[in-house]
Amino acid sequence: MRYRIEFSPRAELQFKKLPKELQIRLKHRIDTLAENPFPRGVKKLSAEENIYRLRIGDYRIIYQVQGNALLILILKLGHRKNVYR
């Protein structure tokens, strides 16, 4: 089963502000979420339901898995010091 990936407006803006080489690196990891939304190293955030964090070096991708709709919604992404605010 392949999941559809969508960006929230905020996440899309954050993504576009990143350097191109970092965008490519993050995009590759985001694309792999379509096949497996729970790869090794992913952590569930305790604050909310169905919200997960994926670590890529010093950057984090915060996303929500909507299993009934086969959708992964990227909520936020950015440097680890800013992404949780």
PDB file of N, CA and C in Angstrom:
ATOM      1  N   MET A   1       0.832  -1.178   0.000  1.00  0.00           N
ATOM      2  CA  MET A   1       0.000   0.000   0.000  1.00  0.00           C
ATOM      3  C   MET A   1       0.881   1.248   0.000  1.00  0.00           C
ATOM      4  N   ARG A   2       0.600   2.142  -0.875  1.00  0.00           N
ATOM      5  CA  ARG A   2       1.379   3.378  -0.978  1.00  0.00           C
ATOM      6  C   ARG A   2       0.568   4.542  -0.417  1.00  0.00           C
ATOM      7  N   TYR A   3       1.192   5.292   0.469  1.00  0.00           N
ATOM      8  CA  TYR A   3       0.553   6.463   1.062  1.00  0.00           C
ATOM      9  C   TYR A   3       0.769   7.681   0.173  1.00  0.00           C
ATOM     10  N   ARG A   4      -0.174   8.596   0.213  1.00  0.00           N
ATOM     11  CA  ARG A   4      -0.057   9.872  -0.480  1.00  0.00           C
ATOM     12  C   ARG A   4       0.584  10.856   0.499  1.00  0.00           C
ATOM     13  N   ILE A   5       1.470  11.707   0.017  1.00  0.00           N
ATOM     14  CA  ILE A   5       2.158  12.669   0.874  1.00  0.00           C
ATOM     15  C   ILE A   5       1.709  14.077   0.507  1.00  0.00           C
ATOM     16  N   GLU A   6       1.325  14.830   1.529  1.00  0.00           N
ATOM     17  CA  GLU A   6       0.942  16.227   1.336  1.00  0.00           C
ATOM     18  C   GLU A   6       1.657  17.082   2.372  1.00  0.00           C
ATOM     19  N   PHE A   7       1.924  18.327   2.005  1.00  0.00           N
ATOM     20  CA  PHE A   7       2.554  19.285   2.904  1.00  0.00           C
ATOM     21  C   PHE A   7       1.503  20.265   3.398  1.00  0.00           C
ATOM     22  N   SER A   8       1.571  20.612   4.671  1.00  0.00           N
ATOM     23  CA  SER A   8       0.746  21.717   5.159  1.00  0.00           C
ATOM     24  C   SER A   8       1.329  22.994   4.570  1.00  0.00           C
ATOM     25  N   PRO A   9       0.551  24.069   4.481  1.00  0.00           N
ATOM     26  CA  PRO A   9       1.097  25.317   3.929  1.00  0.00           C
ATOM     27  C   PRO A   9       2.343  25.795   4.681  1.00  0.00           C
ATOM     28  N   ARG A  10       2.336  25.650   5.978  1.00  0.00           N
ATOM     29  CA  ARG A  10       3.482  26.053   6.799  1.00  0.00           C
ATOM     30  C   ARG A  10       4.719  25.217   6.461  1.00  0.00           C
ATOM     31  N   ALA A  11       4.545  23.900   6.354  1.00  0.00           N
ATOM     32  CA  ALA A  11       5.663  23.013   6.052  1.00  0.00           C
ATOM     33  C   ALA A  11       6.214  23.275   4.654  1.00  0.00           C
ATOM     34  N   GLU A  12       5.338  23.566   3.722  1.00  0.00           N
ATOM     35  CA  GLU A  12       5.782  23.845   2.357  1.00  0.00           C
ATOM     36  C   GLU A  12       6.662  25.096   2.324  1.00  0.00           C
ATOM     37  N   LEU A  13       6.271  26.107   3.070  1.00  0.00           N
ATOM     38  CA  LEU A  13       7.059  27.333   3.158  1.00  0.00           C
ATOM     39  C   LEU A  13       8.413  27.063   3.816  1.00  0.00           C
ATOM     40  N   GLN A  14       8.407  26.285   4.897  1.00  0.00           N
ATOM     41  CA  GLN A  14       9.645  25.946   5.593  1.00  0.00           C
ATOM     42  C   GLN A  14      10.576  25.164   4.671  1.00  0.00           C
ATOM     43  N   PHE A  15      10.016  24.266   3.885  1.00  0.00           N
ATOM     44  CA  PHE A  15      10.799  23.450   2.974  1.00  0.00           C
ATOM     45  C   PHE A  15      11.474  24.315   1.905  1.00  0.00           C
ATOM     46  N   LYS A  16      10.725  25.259   1.347  1.00  0.00           N
ATOM     47  CA  LYS A  16      11.259  26.109   0.282  1.00  0.00           C
ATOM     48  C   LYS A  16      12.364  27.047   0.763  1.00  0.00           C
ATOM     49  N   LYS A  17      12.400  27.342   2.055  1.00  0.00           N
ATOM     50  CA  LYS A  17      13.421  28.233   2.607  1.00  0.00           C
ATOM     51  C   LYS A  17      14.761  27.522   2.855  1.00  0.00           C
ATOM     52  N   LEU A  18      14.751  26.209   2.809  1.00  0.00           N
ATOM     53  CA  LEU A  18      15.972  25.439   3.067  1.00  0.00           C
ATOM     54  C   LEU A  18      16.893  25.468   1.855  1.00  0.00           C
ATOM     55  N   PRO A  19      18.217  25.278   2.077  1.00  0.00           N
ATOM     56  CA  PRO A  19      19.152  25.187   0.944  1.00  0.00           C
ATOM     57  C   PRO A  19      18.803  23.997   0.046  1.00  0.00           C
ATOM     58  N   LYS A  20      19.105  24.125  -1.248  1.00  0.00           N
ATOM     59  CA  LYS A  20      18.738  23.101  -2.246  1.00  0.00           C
ATOM     60  C   LYS A  20      19.270  21.713  -1.895  1.00  0.00           C
ATOM     61  N   GLU A  21      20.542  21.617  -1.472  1.00  0.00           N
ATOM     62  CA  GLU A  21      21.109  20.295  -1.179  1.00  0.00           C
ATOM     63  C   GLU A  21      20.385  19.634  -0.008  1.00  0.00           C
ATOM     64  N   LEU A  22      19.952  20.434   0.966  1.00  0.00           N
ATOM     65  CA  LEU A  22      19.197  19.897   2.089  1.00  0.00           C
ATOM     66  C   LEU A  22      17.788  19.502   1.650  1.00  0.00           C
ATOM     67  N   GLN A  23      17.187  20.278   0.766  1.00  0.00           N
ATOM     68  CA  GLN A  23      15.869  19.934   0.225  1.00  0.00           C
ATOM     69  C   GLN A  23      15.902  18.571  -0.451  1.00  0.00           C
ATOM     70  N   ILE A  24      16.945  18.320  -1.218  1.00  0.00           N
ATOM     71  CA  ILE A  24      17.073  17.036  -1.922  1.00  0.00           C
ATOM     72  C   ILE A  24      17.174  15.892  -0.922  1.00  0.00           C
ATOM     73  N   ARG A  25      17.988  16.099   0.117  1.00  0.00           N
ATOM     74  CA  ARG A  25      18.179  15.067   1.142  1.00  0.00           C
ATOM     75  C   ARG A  25      16.872  14.778   1.889  1.00  0.00           C
ATOM     76  N   LEU A  26      16.157  15.837   2.274  1.00  0.00           N
ATOM     77  CA  LEU A  26      14.900  15.652   2.990  1.00  0.00           C
ATOM     78  C   LEU A  26      13.822  15.060   2.085  1.00  0.00           C
ATOM     79  N   LYS A  27      13.785  15.497   0.844  1.00  0.00           N
ATOM     80  CA  LYS A  27      12.790  15.002  -0.112  1.00  0.00           C
ATOM     81  C   LYS A  27      12.920  13.494  -0.316  1.00  0.00           C
ATOM     82  N   HIS A  28      14.151  13.026  -0.362  1.00  0.00           N
ATOM     83  CA  HIS A  28      14.383  11.582  -0.510  1.00  0.00           C
ATOM     84  C   HIS A  28      13.778  10.825   0.672  1.00  0.00           C
ATOM     85  N   ARG A  29      13.995  11.319   1.889  1.00  0.00           N
ATOM     86  CA  ARG A  29      13.463  10.642   3.070  1.00  0.00           C
ATOM     87  C   ARG A  29      11.939  10.748   3.131  1.00  0.00           C
ATOM     88  N   ILE A  30      11.397  11.896   2.712  1.00  0.00           N
ATOM     89  CA  ILE A  30       9.947  12.073   2.702  1.00  0.00           C
ATOM     90  C   ILE A  30       9.310  11.102   1.708  1.00  0.00           C
ATOM     91  N   ASP A  31       9.940  10.936   0.549  1.00  0.00           N
ATOM     92  CA  ASP A  31       9.411  10.009  -0.461  1.00  0.00           C
ATOM     93  C   ASP A  31       9.402   8.572   0.036  1.00  0.00           C
ATOM     94  N   THR A  32      10.373   8.191   0.859  1.00  0.00           N
ATOM     95  CA  THR A  32      10.392   6.823   1.389  1.00  0.00           C
ATOM     96  C   THR A  32       9.255   6.589   2.381  1.00  0.00           C
ATOM     97  N   LEU A  33       8.717   7.667   2.971  1.00  0.00           N
ATOM     98  CA  LEU A  33       7.580   7.519   3.886  1.00  0.00           C
ATOM     99  C   LEU A  33       6.341   6.991   3.173  1.00  0.00           C
ATOM    100  N   ALA A  34       6.236   7.233   1.876  1.00  0.00           N
ATOM    101  CA  ALA A  34       5.076   6.758   1.114  1.00  0.00           C
ATOM    102  C   ALA A  34       4.993   5.238   1.139  1.00  0.00           C
ATOM    103  N   GLU A  35       6.130   4.575   1.145  1.00  0.00           N
ATOM    104  CA  GLU A  35       6.163   3.106   1.195  1.00  0.00           C
ATOM    105  C   GLU A  35       6.043   2.582   2.622  1.00  0.00           C
ATOM    106  N   ASN A  36       6.727   3.245   3.556  1.00  0.00           N
ATOM    107  CA  ASN A  36       6.740   2.805   4.948  1.00  0.00           C
ATOM    108  C   ASN A  36       6.656   4.036   5.847  1.00  0.00           C
ATOM    109  N   PRO A  37       5.462   4.353   6.389  1.00  0.00           N
ATOM    110  CA  PRO A  37       5.320   5.556   7.204  1.00  0.00           C
ATOM    111  C   PRO A  37       5.980   5.456   8.579  1.00  0.00           C
ATOM    112  N   PHE A  38       6.464   4.275   8.938  1.00  0.00           N
ATOM    113  CA  PHE A  38       7.098   4.088  10.237  1.00  0.00           C
ATOM    114  C   PHE A  38       8.484   3.454  10.079  1.00  0.00           C
ATOM    115  N   PRO A  39       9.421   4.164   9.422  1.00  0.00           N
ATOM    116  CA  PRO A  39      10.750   3.587   9.233  1.00  0.00           C
ATOM    117  C   PRO A  39      11.511   3.500  10.553  1.00  0.00           C
ATOM    118  N   ARG A  40      12.602   2.796  10.520  1.00  0.00           N
ATOM    119  CA  ARG A  40      13.441   2.673  11.708  1.00  0.00           C
ATOM    120  C   ARG A  40      13.901   4.062  12.158  1.00  0.00           C
ATOM    121  N   GLY A  41      13.813   4.323  13.447  1.00  0.00           N
ATOM    122  CA  GLY A  41      14.257   5.591  13.993  1.00  0.00           C
ATOM    123  C   GLY A  41      13.156   6.614  14.168  1.00  0.00           C
ATOM    124  N   VAL A  42      11.954   6.330  13.684  1.00  0.00           N
ATOM    125  CA  VAL A  42      10.851   7.274  13.831  1.00  0.00           C
ATOM    126  C   VAL A  42      10.336   7.196  15.276  1.00  0.00           C
ATOM    127  N   LYS A  43       9.938   8.340  15.825  1.00  0.00           N
ATOM    128  CA  LYS A  43       9.411   8.382  17.194  1.00  0.00           C
ATOM    129  C   LYS A  43       8.027   8.998  17.180  1.00  0.00           C
ATOM    130  N   LYS A  44       7.159   8.443  17.993  1.00  0.00           N
ATOM    131  CA  LYS A  44       5.821   9.013  18.160  1.00  0.00           C
ATOM    132  C   LYS A  44       5.932  10.142  19.173  1.00  0.00           C
ATOM    133  N   LEU A  45       5.351  11.281  18.851  1.00  0.00           N
ATOM    134  CA  LEU A  45       5.348  12.394  19.793  1.00  0.00           C
ATOM    135  C   LEU A  45       4.192  12.202  20.758  1.00  0.00           C
ATOM    136  N   SER A  46       4.465  12.354  22.028  1.00  0.00           N
ATOM    137  CA  SER A  46       3.463  12.043  23.043  1.00  0.00           C
ATOM    138  C   SER A  46       2.379  13.100  23.160  1.00  0.00           C
ATOM    139  N   ALA A  47       2.629  14.299  22.658  1.00  0.00           N
ATOM    140  CA  ALA A  47       1.672  15.392  22.831  1.00  0.00           C
ATOM    141  C   ALA A  47       0.354  15.153  22.083  1.00  0.00           C
ATOM    142  N   GLU A  48       0.420  14.539  20.924  1.00  0.00           N
ATOM    143  CA  GLU A  48      -0.791  14.377  20.124  1.00  0.00           C
ATOM    144  C   GLU A  48      -0.859  12.979  19.522  1.00  0.00           C
ATOM    145  N   GLU A  49      -2.036  12.633  19.055  1.00  0.00           N
ATOM    146  CA  GLU A  49      -2.251  11.315  18.479  1.00  0.00           C
ATOM    147  C   GLU A  49      -1.837  11.298  17.006  1.00  0.00           C
ATOM    148  N   ASN A  50      -1.198  10.221  16.589  1.00  0.00           N
ATOM    149  CA  ASN A  50      -0.787   9.999  15.203  1.00  0.00           C
ATOM    150  C   ASN A  50       0.220  11.020  14.682  1.00  0.00           C
ATOM    151  N   ILE A  51       0.989  11.655  15.564  1.00  0.00           N
ATOM    152  CA  ILE A  51       2.020  12.611  15.175  1.00  0.00           C
ATOM    153  C   ILE A  51       3.378  11.951  15.431  1.00  0.00           C
ATOM    154  N   TYR A  52       4.244  11.993  14.418  1.00  0.00           N
ATOM    155  CA  TYR A  52       5.540  11.328  14.493  1.00  0.00           C
ATOM    156  C   TYR A  52       6.659  12.273  14.097  1.00  0.00           C
ATOM    157  N   ARG A  53       7.874  11.904  14.514  1.00  0.00           N
ATOM    158  CA  ARG A  53       9.053  12.693  14.204  1.00  0.00           C
ATOM    159  C   ARG A  53      10.083  11.805  13.524  1.00  0.00           C
ATOM    160  N   LEU A  54      10.649  12.323  12.445  1.00  0.00           N
ATOM    161  CA  LEU A  54      11.710  11.626  11.729  1.00  0.00           C
ATOM    162  C   LEU A  54      12.951  12.498  11.781  1.00  0.00           C
ATOM    163  N   ARG A  55      14.050  11.921  12.200  1.00  0.00           N
ATOM    164  CA  ARG A  55      15.314  12.626  12.337  1.00  0.00           C
ATOM    165  C   ARG A  55      16.166  12.448  11.097  1.00  0.00           C
ATOM    166  N   ILE A  56      16.696  13.561  10.582  1.00  0.00           N
ATOM    167  CA  ILE A  56      17.653  13.532   9.483  1.00  0.00           C
ATOM    168  C   ILE A  56      18.768  14.487   9.873  1.00  0.00           C
ATOM    169  N   GLY A  57      19.807  13.971  10.495  1.00  0.00           N
ATOM    170  CA  GLY A  57      20.888  14.816  10.998  1.00  0.00           C
ATOM    171  C   GLY A  57      20.344  15.774  12.043  1.00  0.00           C
ATOM    172  N   ASP A  58      20.586  17.066  11.854  1.00  0.00           N
ATOM    173  CA  ASP A  58      20.095  18.088  12.782  1.00  0.00           C
ATOM    174  C   ASP A  58      18.698  18.572  12.424  1.00  0.00           C
ATOM    175  N   TYR A  59      18.094  17.987  11.428  1.00  0.00           N
ATOM    176  CA  TYR A  59      16.769  18.416  10.985  1.00  0.00           C
ATOM    177  C   TYR A  59      15.716  17.385  11.366  1.00  0.00           C
ATOM    178  N   ARG A  60      14.499  17.857  11.542  1.00  0.00           N
ATOM    179  CA  ARG A  60      13.386  16.998  11.925  1.00  0.00           C
ATOM    180  C   ARG A  60      12.211  17.223  10.983  1.00  0.00           C
ATOM    181  N   ILE A  61      11.505  16.140  10.727  1.00  0.00           N
ATOM    182  CA  ILE A  61      10.255  16.199   9.967  1.00  0.00           C
ATOM    183  C   ILE A  61       9.161  15.743  10.920  1.00  0.00           C
ATOM    184  N   ILE A  62       8.191  16.595  11.156  1.00  0.00           N
ATOM    185  CA  ILE A  62       7.045  16.279  12.002  1.00  0.00           C
ATOM    186  C   ILE A  62       5.875  15.996  11.064  1.00  0.00           C
ATOM    187  N   TYR A  63       5.298  14.806  11.198  1.00  0.00           N
ATOM    188  CA  TYR A  63       4.223  14.436  10.286  1.00  0.00           C
ATOM    189  C   TYR A  63       3.122  13.659  10.987  1.00  0.00           C
ATOM    190  N   GLN A  64       1.967  13.638  10.341  1.00  0.00           N
ATOM    191  CA  GLN A  64       0.801  12.934  10.854  1.00  0.00           C
ATOM    192  C   GLN A  64       0.428  11.837   9.864  1.00  0.00           C
ATOM    193  N   VAL A  65       0.120  10.662  10.397  1.00  0.00           N
ATOM    194  CA  VAL A  65      -0.302   9.539   9.559  1.00  0.00           C
ATOM    195  C   VAL A  65      -1.802   9.371   9.702  1.00  0.00           C
ATOM    196  N   GLN A  66      -2.488   9.471   8.585  1.00  0.00           N
ATOM    197  CA  GLN A  66      -3.934   9.248   8.558  1.00  0.00           C
ATOM    198  C   GLN A  66      -4.164   7.938   7.818  1.00  0.00           C
ATOM    199  N   GLY A  67      -4.151   6.852   8.581  1.00  0.00           N
ATOM    200  CA  GLY A  67      -4.190   5.510   8.019  1.00  0.00           C
ATOM    201  C   GLY A  67      -5.426   5.188   7.213  1.00  0.00           C
ATOM    202  N   ASN A  68      -6.585   5.685   7.658  1.00  0.00           N
ATOM    203  CA  ASN A  68      -7.815   5.362   6.932  1.00  0.00           C
ATOM    204  C   ASN A  68      -7.858   6.025   5.565  1.00  0.00           C
ATOM    205  N   ALA A  69      -7.150   7.147   5.389  1.00  0.00           N
ATOM    206  CA  ALA A  69      -7.126   7.847   4.097  1.00  0.00           C
ATOM    207  C   ALA A  69      -5.826   7.573   3.329  1.00  0.00           C
ATOM    208  N   LEU A  70      -4.931   6.759   3.895  1.00  0.00           N
ATOM    209  CA  LEU A  70      -3.617   6.492   3.315  1.00  0.00           C
ATOM    210  C   LEU A  70      -2.903   7.803   2.969  1.00  0.00           C
ATOM    211  N   LEU A  71      -2.834   8.682   3.973  1.00  0.00           N
ATOM    212  CA  LEU A  71      -2.267  10.007   3.782  1.00  0.00           C
ATOM    213  C   LEU A  71      -1.223  10.293   4.854  1.00  0.00           C
ATOM    214  N   ILE A  72      -0.107  10.867   4.432  1.00  0.00           N
ATOM    215  CA  ILE A  72       0.903  11.383   5.352  1.00  0.00           C
ATOM    216  C   ILE A  72       0.930  12.883   5.146  1.00  0.00           C
ATOM    217  N   LEU A  73       0.644  13.611   6.219  1.00  0.00           N
ATOM    218  CA  LEU A  73       0.611  15.067   6.167  1.00  0.00           C
ATOM    219  C   LEU A  73       1.844  15.610   6.881  1.00  0.00           C
ATOM    220  N   ILE A  74       2.726  16.259   6.133  1.00  0.00           N
ATOM    221  CA  ILE A  74       3.920  16.865   6.715  1.00  0.00           C
ATOM    222  C   ILE A  74       3.474  18.161   7.377  1.00  0.00           C
ATOM    223  N   LEU A  75       3.640  18.251   8.697  1.00  0.00           N
ATOM    224  CA  LEU A  75       3.176  19.406   9.453  1.00  0.00           C
ATOM    225  C   LEU A  75       4.246  20.474   9.586  1.00  0.00           C
ATOM    226  N   LYS A  76       5.460  20.061   9.947  1.00  0.00           N
ATOM    227  CA  LYS A  76       6.568  20.991  10.128  1.00  0.00           C
ATOM    228  C   LYS A  76       7.856  20.301   9.746  1.00  0.00           C
ATOM    229  N   LEU A  77       8.837  21.095   9.352  1.00  0.00           N
ATOM    230  CA  LEU A  77      10.181  20.581   9.187  1.00  0.00           C
ATOM    231  C   LEU A  77      11.159  21.721   9.378  1.00  0.00           C
ATOM    232  N   GLY A  78      12.322  21.369   9.902  1.00  0.00           N
ATOM    233  CA  GLY A  78      13.327  22.393  10.146  1.00  0.00           C
ATOM    234  C   GLY A  78      14.403  21.904  11.080  1.00  0.00           C
ATOM    235  N   HIS A  79      15.259  22.818  11.476  1.00  0.00           N
ATOM    236  CA  HIS A  79      16.353  22.505  12.384  1.00  0.00           C
ATOM    237  C   HIS A  79      15.792  22.114  13.744  1.00  0.00           C
ATOM    238  N   ARG A  80      16.480  21.215  14.412  1.00  0.00           N
ATOM    239  CA  ARG A  80      15.977  20.662  15.665  1.00  0.00           C
ATOM    240  C   ARG A  80      15.755  21.712  16.742  1.00  0.00           C
ATOM    241  N   LYS A  81      16.491  22.825  16.691  1.00  0.00           N
ATOM    242  CA  LYS A  81      16.327  23.846  17.739  1.00  0.00           C
ATOM    243  C   LYS A  81      15.058  24.670  17.538  1.00  0.00           C
ATOM    244  N   ASN A  82      14.473  24.645  16.348  1.00  0.00           N
ATOM    245  CA  ASN A  82      13.292  25.462  16.062  1.00  0.00           C
ATOM    246  C   ASN A  82      12.016  24.689  15.804  1.00  0.00           C
ATOM    247  N   VAL A  83      12.113  23.450  15.424  1.00  0.00           N
ATOM    248  CA  VAL A  83      10.949  22.730  14.891  1.00  0.00           C
ATOM    249  C   VAL A  83       9.876  22.419  15.956  1.00  0.00           C
ATOM    250  N   TYR A  84      10.253  22.332  17.213  1.00  0.00           N
ATOM    251  CA  TYR A  84       9.271  21.964  18.231  1.00  0.00           C
ATOM    252  C   TYR A  84       8.532  23.164  18.817  1.00  0.00           C
ATOM    253  N   ARG A  85       8.864  24.355  18.379  1.00  0.00           N
ATOM    254  CA  ARG A  85       8.215  25.566  18.916  1.00  0.00           C
ATOM    255  C   ARG A  85       6.916  25.844  18.225  1.00  0.00           C
TER     256      ARG A  85
END
